[in-house]
Amino acid sequence: GTETSDGTELRPYCTWGSSCDWNEDTKQECATALCEAAGYRNGTFVSASNNPCDESFVSGYAYYHVLGRTGVRRDDYTNEDTKQEC
């Protein structure tokens, strides 16, 4: 099915830590992280609301996958809203 990030623990946004490069690999990493959090084994990137390197989709505390790290965490980050096929 298609899953869209919403900032919850099961559908985290995607963000970055020390450096940001929004490319096919990082888009796929976001898709995989969201789909795994939602209980799927893998996923394919479909679309994103914005480039998280440049601007934020929402502000405030939510659950995020940080590019280059494992799992999800709750914090206040620059982020984007993604859609994945899981």
Protein backbone atom coordinates (compact mmCIF):
# COMPACT_ATOMS: atom_id res chain seq x y z
CA GLY A 1 0.00 0.00 0.00
CA THR A 2 0.94 3.65 -0.10
CA GLU A 3 2.10 5.20 3.17
CA THR A 4 2.57 8.93 3.83
CA SER A 5 4.69 10.26 6.66
CA ASP A 6 2.74 12.18 9.31
CA GLY A 7 5.26 12.60 12.12
CA THR A 8 4.00 9.72 14.25
CA GLU A 9 6.22 6.88 15.44
CA LEU A 10 4.71 4.57 12.80
CA ARG A 11 4.99 7.13 9.98
CA PRO A 12 8.00 9.34 10.75
CA TYR A 13 9.18 12.31 8.74
CA CYS A 14 12.66 12.21 7.26
CA THR A 15 15.38 14.69 8.21
CA TRP A 16 19.14 15.12 8.24
CA GLY A 17 21.92 15.58 10.78
CA SER A 18 25.26 17.20 10.02
CA SER A 19 24.98 17.34 6.23
CA CYS A 20 22.19 16.97 3.69
CA ASP A 21 22.14 15.64 0.15
CA TRP A 22 18.64 15.03 -1.24
CA ASN A 23 19.23 12.44 -3.97
CA GLU A 24 17.90 9.05 -5.09
CA ASP A 25 19.79 7.20 -2.33
CA THR A 26 18.56 9.41 0.51
CA LYS A 27 15.00 9.43 -0.87
CA GLN A 28 15.09 5.63 -0.88
CA GLU A 29 16.53 5.60 2.65
CA CYS A 30 13.56 7.70 3.79
CA ALA A 31 11.12 5.37 2.06
CA THR A 32 12.69 2.30 3.63
CA ALA A 33 12.72 3.88 7.11
CA LEU A 34 9.06 4.91 6.92
CA CYS A 35 7.92 1.55 5.57
CA GLU A 36 9.90 -0.35 8.21
CA ALA A 37 8.40 1.85 10.95
CA ALA A 38 4.93 1.08 9.54
CA GLY A 39 5.63 -2.66 9.76
CA TYR A 40 6.72 -3.45 6.20
CA ARG A 41 10.03 -5.05 5.19
CA ASN A 42 10.93 -2.43 2.56
CA GLY A 43 9.54 0.35 0.42
CA THR A 44 9.96 2.47 -2.70
CA PHE A 45 10.09 6.27 -2.72
CA VAL A 46 7.11 7.88 -4.51
CA SER A 47 7.17 11.62 -3.77
CA ALA A 48 8.05 14.29 -1.23
CA SER A 49 6.49 17.60 -0.27
CA ASN A 50 9.80 19.45 -0.39
CA ASN A 51 13.57 19.16 -0.22
CA PRO A 52 14.36 18.88 3.51
CA CYS A 53 17.83 20.35 2.91
CA ASP A 54 16.20 23.68 1.99
CA GLU A 55 12.97 23.98 3.99
CA SER A 56 10.72 22.31 6.54
CA PHE A 57 7.29 20.78 5.94
CA VAL A 58 6.24 21.19 9.58
CA SER A 59 7.77 22.73 12.69
CA GLY A 60 7.90 21.42 16.21
CA TYR A 61 8.35 18.04 17.81
CA ALA A 62 7.52 14.89 15.87
CA TYR A 63 9.05 11.51 15.07
CA TYR A 64 11.84 11.50 12.47
CA HIS A 65 14.24 9.21 10.68
CA VAL A 66 17.61 10.97 10.52
CA LEU A 67 19.49 10.25 7.28
CA GLY A 68 22.52 8.06 7.88
CA ARG A 69 21.25 6.83 11.25
CA THR A 70 19.09 3.90 12.29
CA GLY A 71 15.59 3.91 13.70
CA VAL A 72 13.37 6.89 14.48
CA ARG A 73 13.56 9.51 17.21
CA ARG A 74 11.30 12.24 18.58
CA ASP A 75 12.79 15.71 18.24
CA ASP A 76 12.47 19.09 16.50
CA TYR A 77 14.12 18.95 13.05
CA THR A 78 13.91 20.38 9.54
CA ASN A 79 11.91 17.78 7.64
CA GLU A 80 9.77 16.77 4.72
CA ASP A 81 6.59 14.83 4.14
CA THR A 82 7.15 11.73 1.99
CA LYS A 83 4.96 9.20 0.27
CA GLN A 84 6.13 5.60 -0.19
CA GLU A 85 4.93 2.37 -1.69
CA CYS A 86 5.42 -0.29 0.97
